[in-house]
Protein backbone atom coordinates (compact mmCIF):
# COMPACT_ATOMS: atom_id res chain seq x y z
CA MET A 1 -0.01 0.01 0.14
CA ARG A 2 1.23 3.67 -0.50
CA ALA A 3 0.43 6.94 0.95
CA ALA A 4 -2.18 8.87 -0.51
CA ASP A 5 0.17 11.27 -2.07
CA GLY A 6 3.41 8.88 -2.41
CA PRO A 7 4.39 7.14 -5.63
CA LEU A 8 2.37 4.17 -6.91
CA GLU A 9 3.47 0.37 -7.09
CA LEU A 10 5.67 -0.94 -9.89
CA HIS A 11 2.76 -2.47 -12.04
CA LYS A 12 0.19 0.61 -11.27
CA SER A 13 2.90 3.05 -12.35
CA PHE A 14 3.69 1.26 -15.44
CA ALA A 15 0.10 0.38 -16.43
CA LEU A 16 -0.79 4.15 -16.17
CA PHE A 17 2.72 5.05 -18.23
CA VAL A 18 1.40 2.42 -20.69
CA LEU A 19 -2.12 4.17 -21.02
CA ALA A 20 -0.08 7.76 -21.29
CA ALA A 21 2.14 6.23 -24.13
CA ALA A 22 -1.30 5.31 -26.10
CA VAL A 23 -2.44 8.82 -25.88
CA GLY A 24 1.02 10.12 -26.90
CA PHE A 25 0.48 8.10 -29.92
CA VAL A 26 -2.98 9.09 -30.69
CA VAL A 27 -1.89 13.17 -30.51
CA ASP A 28 1.24 12.24 -32.67
CA ALA A 29 -0.51 10.20 -35.36
CA GLY A 30 -3.76 12.38 -34.99
CA VAL A 31 -1.86 15.49 -35.86
CA LEU A 32 0.60 14.34 -38.16
CA THR A 33 -2.16 12.65 -40.27
CA ALA A 34 -4.20 15.95 -40.22
CA LEU A 35 -1.24 17.81 -40.83
CA VAL A 36 -0.05 15.97 -44.07
CA ARG A 37 -3.87 15.11 -45.42
CA GLU A 38 -5.53 18.45 -44.70
CA LEU A 39 -2.85 20.72 -44.88
CA GLY A 40 -0.20 19.40 -47.32
CA TRP A 41 2.54 19.10 -45.06
CA GLY A 42 5.37 16.54 -45.38
CA PRO A 43 5.74 13.69 -42.97
CA TRP A 44 9.17 15.07 -41.48
CA GLU A 45 7.70 18.57 -41.35
CA GLY A 46 4.45 17.31 -39.43
CA ARG A 47 6.49 15.33 -37.10
CA LEU A 48 8.23 18.58 -35.80
CA VAL A 49 4.58 19.84 -34.67
CA SER A 50 3.29 16.34 -33.94
CA PHE A 51 6.37 14.84 -31.50
CA PRO A 52 6.42 17.55 -29.06
CA LEU A 53 2.97 18.11 -28.69
CA ALA A 54 3.06 14.33 -28.04
CA VAL A 55 5.58 14.42 -25.27
CA THR A 56 3.94 17.10 -23.92
CA SER A 57 0.81 15.39 -23.38
CA THR A 58 2.20 12.09 -21.94
CA TRP A 59 4.90 14.37 -19.68
CA LEU A 60 1.36 15.76 -18.48
CA LEU A 61 -0.22 12.85 -17.71
CA ASN A 62 2.66 10.70 -16.27
CA ARG A 63 3.57 13.55 -14.04
CA ARG A 64 -0.29 13.48 -13.03
CA TYR A 65 -1.04 9.75 -12.90
CA ALA A 66 1.69 7.93 -13.57
CA PHE A 67 4.42 9.28 -11.43
CA ARG A 68 2.23 11.30 -8.80
CA GLY A 69 4.18 11.97 -5.61
CA THR A 70 7.61 12.06 -7.07
CA GLY A 71 8.17 14.85 -9.26
CA ARG A 72 10.75 17.67 -8.68
CA GLY A 73 10.09 20.94 -7.57
CA ASP A 74 10.89 23.08 -10.68
CA ARG A 75 8.60 22.20 -13.63
CA ARG A 76 10.80 23.45 -16.21
CA ILE A 77 13.80 21.50 -15.12
CA GLU A 78 11.49 18.29 -14.97
CA TYR A 79 10.16 18.91 -18.09
CA ALA A 80 13.64 19.18 -19.57
CA ALA A 81 14.57 16.27 -18.13
CA TYR A 82 11.59 14.34 -19.36
CA TRP A 83 12.47 15.59 -22.90
CA ALA A 84 15.96 14.40 -22.90
CA ILE A 85 14.62 10.82 -21.59
CA GLN A 86 12.12 10.83 -24.96
CA LEU A 87 14.85 11.44 -27.38
CA ALA A 88 17.04 8.98 -25.64
CA GLY A 89 14.13 6.70 -26.20
CA ALA A 90 13.52 7.89 -29.68
CA ALA A 91 17.26 6.85 -30.59
CA VAL A 92 16.23 3.29 -28.69
CA ASN A 93 13.58 3.29 -30.88
CA PHE A 94 14.94 4.13 -34.34
CA GLY A 95 18.20 1.84 -33.92
CA ILE A 96 15.85 -1.08 -32.91
CA PHE A 97 14.05 -0.26 -35.68
CA GLY A 98 16.98 -0.16 -38.30
CA LEU A 99 18.53 -3.52 -36.87
CA CYS A 100 15.21 -5.16 -37.12
CA LEU A 101 15.60 -4.55 -41.08
CA HIS A 102 19.18 -5.09 -40.86
CA TRP A 103 18.57 -8.35 -39.44
CA ALA A 104 15.37 -9.53 -41.49
CA PRO A 105 15.05 -7.33 -44.46
CA VAL A 106 11.46 -9.05 -45.63
CA LEU A 107 10.13 -6.79 -42.66
CA ALA A 108 10.40 -3.90 -45.06
CA ALA A 109 7.18 -5.21 -46.41
CA TRP A 110 5.60 -5.30 -43.15
CA PRO A 111 7.02 -1.91 -41.27
CA PHE A 112 4.71 -1.95 -38.65
CA VAL A 113 6.50 -4.92 -37.03
CA PRO A 114 9.95 -3.09 -36.80
CA VAL A 115 7.84 -0.03 -35.75
CA ALA A 116 6.11 -1.92 -32.85
CA VAL A 117 9.38 -3.90 -31.79
CA GLY A 118 11.31 -0.50 -31.43
CA GLY A 119 8.36 1.52 -29.76
CA ILE A 120 7.97 -1.05 -27.02
CA ALA A 121 11.68 -1.37 -26.52
CA ALA A 122 11.67 2.60 -26.53
CA MET A 123 8.29 2.35 -24.20
CA LEU A 124 9.88 0.10 -21.65
CA PHE A 125 13.70 2.30 -21.96
CA ASN A 126 11.87 5.59 -20.95
CA PHE A 127 9.96 4.34 -18.16
CA ALA A 128 12.68 2.48 -16.43
CA VAL A 129 15.11 5.64 -17.08
CA ALA A 130 12.21 8.16 -16.03
CA ARG A 131 11.27 6.17 -12.84
CA SER A 132 14.88 5.79 -11.82
CA THR A 133 15.86 9.38 -12.61
CA VAL A 134 13.09 12.28 -12.87
CA TYR A 135 10.35 10.75 -10.88
CA ARG A 136 12.28 8.55 -8.45
CA SER A 137 10.61 8.63 -4.73
CA ALA A 138 11.94 10.91 -2.42
CA SER A 139 12.59 7.87 0.00
CA SER A 140 14.78 6.36 -2.74
CA ARG A 141 16.70 9.95 -3.60
CA PHE A 142 17.18 9.93 0.51
CA VAL A 143 18.35 6.26 0.48
CA SER A 144 20.66 6.65 -2.25
CA SER A 145 22.02 10.16 -1.20
CA SER A 146 22.62 8.68 2.48
CA ARG A 147 24.58 5.77 1.26
CA GLY A 148 28.11 7.67 0.75
CA SER A 149 27.28 9.67 3.94
CA ASP A 150 27.80 6.92 6.20
CA ARG A 151 31.25 6.16 5.06
CA ARG A 152 33.95 7.12 7.22
CA PRO A 153 37.26 8.01 6.01
CA ARG A 154 39.97 5.32 6.38
CA SER A 155 42.85 5.67 8.79
CA ARG A 156 46.03 5.93 7.70
CA SER A 157 48.40 3.66 9.83
């Protein structure tokens, strides 16, 4: 059990993170599709708008639900750190996507498969890194920061 405003248990936090990722996907895909189909934008130009909106929507949802009670005081710093994690996750996503196509060129005919594999890997990466850094619970921060303070200097004999 957790305190009313404390961090969620791992499985609950992860389930809410997955739901936020689904919302982020809908925002990303929906905005991108609208920009391409309705305004005639190219897909890469559209991603320059849709991806930041998706990241912002998942940040708002995750800080409110999946990682509630664990955020940093300054929201600007938290948002910047969240962005850094998301960009690293995008590198994981594209890297695994490329490896899938390299190792199994037949997947080029079914690109949704390497997209899904890369996306799942990136989601797991993003959750693990966000939970262990930006949204690490206060008790975890205390334990990890106090570990080094118990060390006594060695006496020189």
